[in-house]
N, C-alpha and C. Protein backbone atom coordinates (compact mmCIF):
# COMPACT_ATOMS: atom_id res chain seq x y z
N MET A 1 47.64 -1.01 -21.50
CA MET A 1 48.79 -0.12 -21.61
C MET A 1 49.26 0.22 -20.19
N PRO A 2 50.55 0.19 -19.94
CA PRO A 2 51.05 0.51 -18.59
C PRO A 2 50.85 1.97 -18.25
N THR A 3 50.77 2.20 -16.96
CA THR A 3 50.66 3.57 -16.46
C THR A 3 52.00 4.27 -16.64
N LYS A 4 51.95 5.50 -17.10
CA LYS A 4 53.18 6.26 -17.31
C LYS A 4 53.24 7.42 -16.33
N PHE A 5 54.38 7.56 -15.66
CA PHE A 5 54.57 8.67 -14.75
C PHE A 5 55.09 9.87 -15.52
N THR A 6 54.69 11.05 -15.12
CA THR A 6 55.21 12.26 -15.71
C THR A 6 56.51 12.63 -15.03
N ASP A 7 57.19 13.64 -15.53
CA ASP A 7 58.47 14.05 -14.96
C ASP A 7 58.34 14.48 -13.51
N ASP A 8 57.25 15.15 -13.15
CA ASP A 8 57.11 15.61 -11.76
C ASP A 8 56.51 14.55 -10.85
N GLU A 9 56.06 13.43 -11.40
CA GLU A 9 55.50 12.30 -10.67
C GLU A 9 54.32 12.68 -9.78
N THR A 10 53.61 13.73 -10.12
CA THR A 10 52.40 14.08 -9.38
C THR A 10 51.16 13.60 -10.12
N SER A 11 51.34 13.09 -11.33
CA SER A 11 50.21 12.56 -12.07
C SER A 11 50.69 11.39 -12.92
N VAL A 12 49.74 10.59 -13.33
CA VAL A 12 50.01 9.48 -14.23
C VAL A 12 49.04 9.58 -15.39
N SER A 13 49.36 8.91 -16.46
CA SER A 13 48.45 8.85 -17.60
C SER A 13 47.80 7.49 -17.60
N ASP A 14 46.49 7.46 -17.77
CA ASP A 14 45.81 6.18 -17.85
C ASP A 14 45.83 5.70 -19.30
N ALA A 15 45.15 4.61 -19.58
CA ALA A 15 45.17 4.01 -20.91
C ALA A 15 44.67 4.96 -21.98
N SER A 16 43.78 5.87 -21.63
CA SER A 16 43.26 6.81 -22.62
C SER A 16 44.16 8.02 -22.80
N GLY A 17 45.22 8.10 -21.99
CA GLY A 17 46.14 9.24 -22.08
C GLY A 17 45.77 10.40 -21.18
N ASP A 18 44.63 10.28 -20.49
CA ASP A 18 44.22 11.33 -19.57
C ASP A 18 45.07 11.30 -18.31
N ALA A 19 45.39 12.45 -17.77
CA ALA A 19 46.18 12.52 -16.55
C ALA A 19 45.30 12.25 -15.34
N ILE A 20 45.82 11.46 -14.41
CA ILE A 20 45.16 11.20 -13.13
C ILE A 20 46.14 11.66 -12.06
N TYR A 21 45.75 12.62 -11.28
CA TYR A 21 46.63 13.14 -10.25
C TYR A 21 46.70 12.16 -9.09
N LEU A 22 47.91 11.90 -8.61
CA LEU A 22 48.12 10.86 -7.61
C LEU A 22 47.29 11.03 -6.35
N PRO A 23 47.13 12.22 -5.80
CA PRO A 23 46.26 12.32 -4.62
C PRO A 23 44.82 11.85 -4.91
N ASP A 24 44.32 12.16 -6.10
CA ASP A 24 42.99 11.70 -6.49
C ASP A 24 42.97 10.19 -6.64
N ARG A 25 44.02 9.65 -7.24
CA ARG A 25 44.13 8.21 -7.45
C ARG A 25 44.12 7.50 -6.10
N ASP A 26 44.95 7.94 -5.18
CA ASP A 26 45.02 7.31 -3.87
C ASP A 26 43.70 7.43 -3.12
N ALA A 27 43.03 8.56 -3.25
CA ALA A 27 41.74 8.74 -2.58
C ALA A 27 40.70 7.78 -3.15
N ARG A 28 40.70 7.60 -4.45
CA ARG A 28 39.75 6.67 -5.06
C ARG A 28 40.02 5.24 -4.65
N ILE A 29 41.30 4.86 -4.62
CA ILE A 29 41.67 3.51 -4.20
C ILE A 29 41.27 3.30 -2.74
N ALA A 30 41.53 4.29 -1.90
CA ALA A 30 41.16 4.19 -0.49
C ALA A 30 39.65 4.00 -0.34
N GLU A 31 38.89 4.71 -1.14
CA GLU A 31 37.43 4.58 -1.07
C GLU A 31 37.00 3.17 -1.47
N LEU A 32 37.56 2.65 -2.55
CA LEU A 32 37.24 1.29 -2.97
C LEU A 32 37.62 0.28 -1.89
N ALA A 33 38.80 0.46 -1.30
CA ALA A 33 39.25 -0.44 -0.23
C ALA A 33 38.31 -0.36 0.98
N TYR A 34 37.86 0.84 1.28
CA TYR A 34 36.92 1.03 2.40
C TYR A 34 35.64 0.22 2.16
N PHE A 35 35.11 0.29 0.95
CA PHE A 35 33.88 -0.44 0.65
C PHE A 35 34.10 -1.95 0.72
N LYS A 36 35.28 -2.41 0.35
CA LYS A 36 35.60 -3.82 0.49
C LYS A 36 35.60 -4.23 1.96
N ALA A 37 36.25 -3.41 2.79
CA ALA A 37 36.29 -3.68 4.23
C ALA A 37 34.89 -3.63 4.83
N GLU A 38 34.11 -2.67 4.41
CA GLU A 38 32.75 -2.53 4.92
C GLU A 38 31.91 -3.76 4.59
N SER A 39 32.10 -4.30 3.38
CA SER A 39 31.31 -5.47 2.99
C SER A 39 31.66 -6.70 3.81
N ARG A 40 32.84 -6.72 4.44
CA ARG A 40 33.26 -7.80 5.32
C ARG A 40 32.98 -7.49 6.79
N GLY A 41 32.34 -6.38 7.07
CA GLY A 41 32.08 -5.99 8.44
C GLY A 41 33.32 -5.47 9.15
N PHE A 42 34.28 -4.94 8.38
CA PHE A 42 35.53 -4.37 8.90
C PHE A 42 36.34 -5.38 9.71
N GLU A 43 36.26 -6.65 9.31
CA GLU A 43 37.07 -7.68 9.95
C GLU A 43 38.55 -7.33 9.76
N PRO A 44 39.32 -7.27 10.85
CA PRO A 44 40.72 -6.87 10.74
C PRO A 44 41.59 -7.93 10.06
N GLY A 45 42.72 -7.48 9.54
CA GLY A 45 43.69 -8.39 8.95
C GLY A 45 43.66 -8.48 7.44
N HIS A 46 42.77 -7.71 6.81
CA HIS A 46 42.64 -7.77 5.35
C HIS A 46 42.94 -6.43 4.68
N GLU A 47 43.55 -5.52 5.42
CA GLU A 47 43.74 -4.17 4.91
C GLU A 47 44.58 -4.14 3.63
N LEU A 48 45.71 -4.84 3.64
CA LEU A 48 46.57 -4.85 2.46
C LEU A 48 45.88 -5.51 1.28
N GLU A 49 45.22 -6.61 1.54
CA GLU A 49 44.48 -7.31 0.50
C GLU A 49 43.41 -6.39 -0.11
N ASP A 50 42.68 -5.68 0.75
CA ASP A 50 41.66 -4.75 0.27
C ASP A 50 42.28 -3.67 -0.61
N TRP A 51 43.41 -3.12 -0.16
CA TRP A 51 44.06 -2.05 -0.92
C TRP A 51 44.53 -2.57 -2.28
N LEU A 52 45.18 -3.72 -2.29
CA LEU A 52 45.72 -4.25 -3.55
C LEU A 52 44.61 -4.61 -4.53
N GLU A 53 43.52 -5.17 -4.03
CA GLU A 53 42.38 -5.48 -4.90
C GLU A 53 41.75 -4.20 -5.43
N ALA A 54 41.62 -3.20 -4.58
CA ALA A 54 41.04 -1.92 -5.00
C ALA A 54 41.94 -1.26 -6.05
N GLU A 55 43.24 -1.34 -5.83
CA GLU A 55 44.18 -0.76 -6.79
C GLU A 55 44.05 -1.45 -8.16
N GLN A 56 43.94 -2.75 -8.16
CA GLN A 56 43.76 -3.48 -9.42
C GLN A 56 42.47 -3.08 -10.11
N GLU A 57 41.39 -2.97 -9.36
CA GLU A 57 40.10 -2.56 -9.94
C GLU A 57 40.20 -1.15 -10.51
N PHE A 58 40.87 -0.27 -9.80
CA PHE A 58 41.00 1.11 -10.25
C PHE A 58 41.77 1.19 -11.57
N LEU A 59 42.81 0.37 -11.70
CA LEU A 59 43.66 0.43 -12.89
C LEU A 59 43.03 -0.22 -14.10
N LEU A 60 41.97 -1.01 -13.91
CA LEU A 60 41.31 -1.67 -15.04
C LEU A 60 40.51 -0.73 -15.84
């Protein structure tokens, strides 16, 4: 089910209908991306890839 934005756009609803506040969402994605970078030894040039992969994992 696609993510739905609320009228104030400060939260989204996940597949279960629970609200996820965007600052929390971004913080979780950043944390996942950090762990991806860490597993590569923080090799530069993969930041966007790490973020996009982390975002996909978070939304699953």
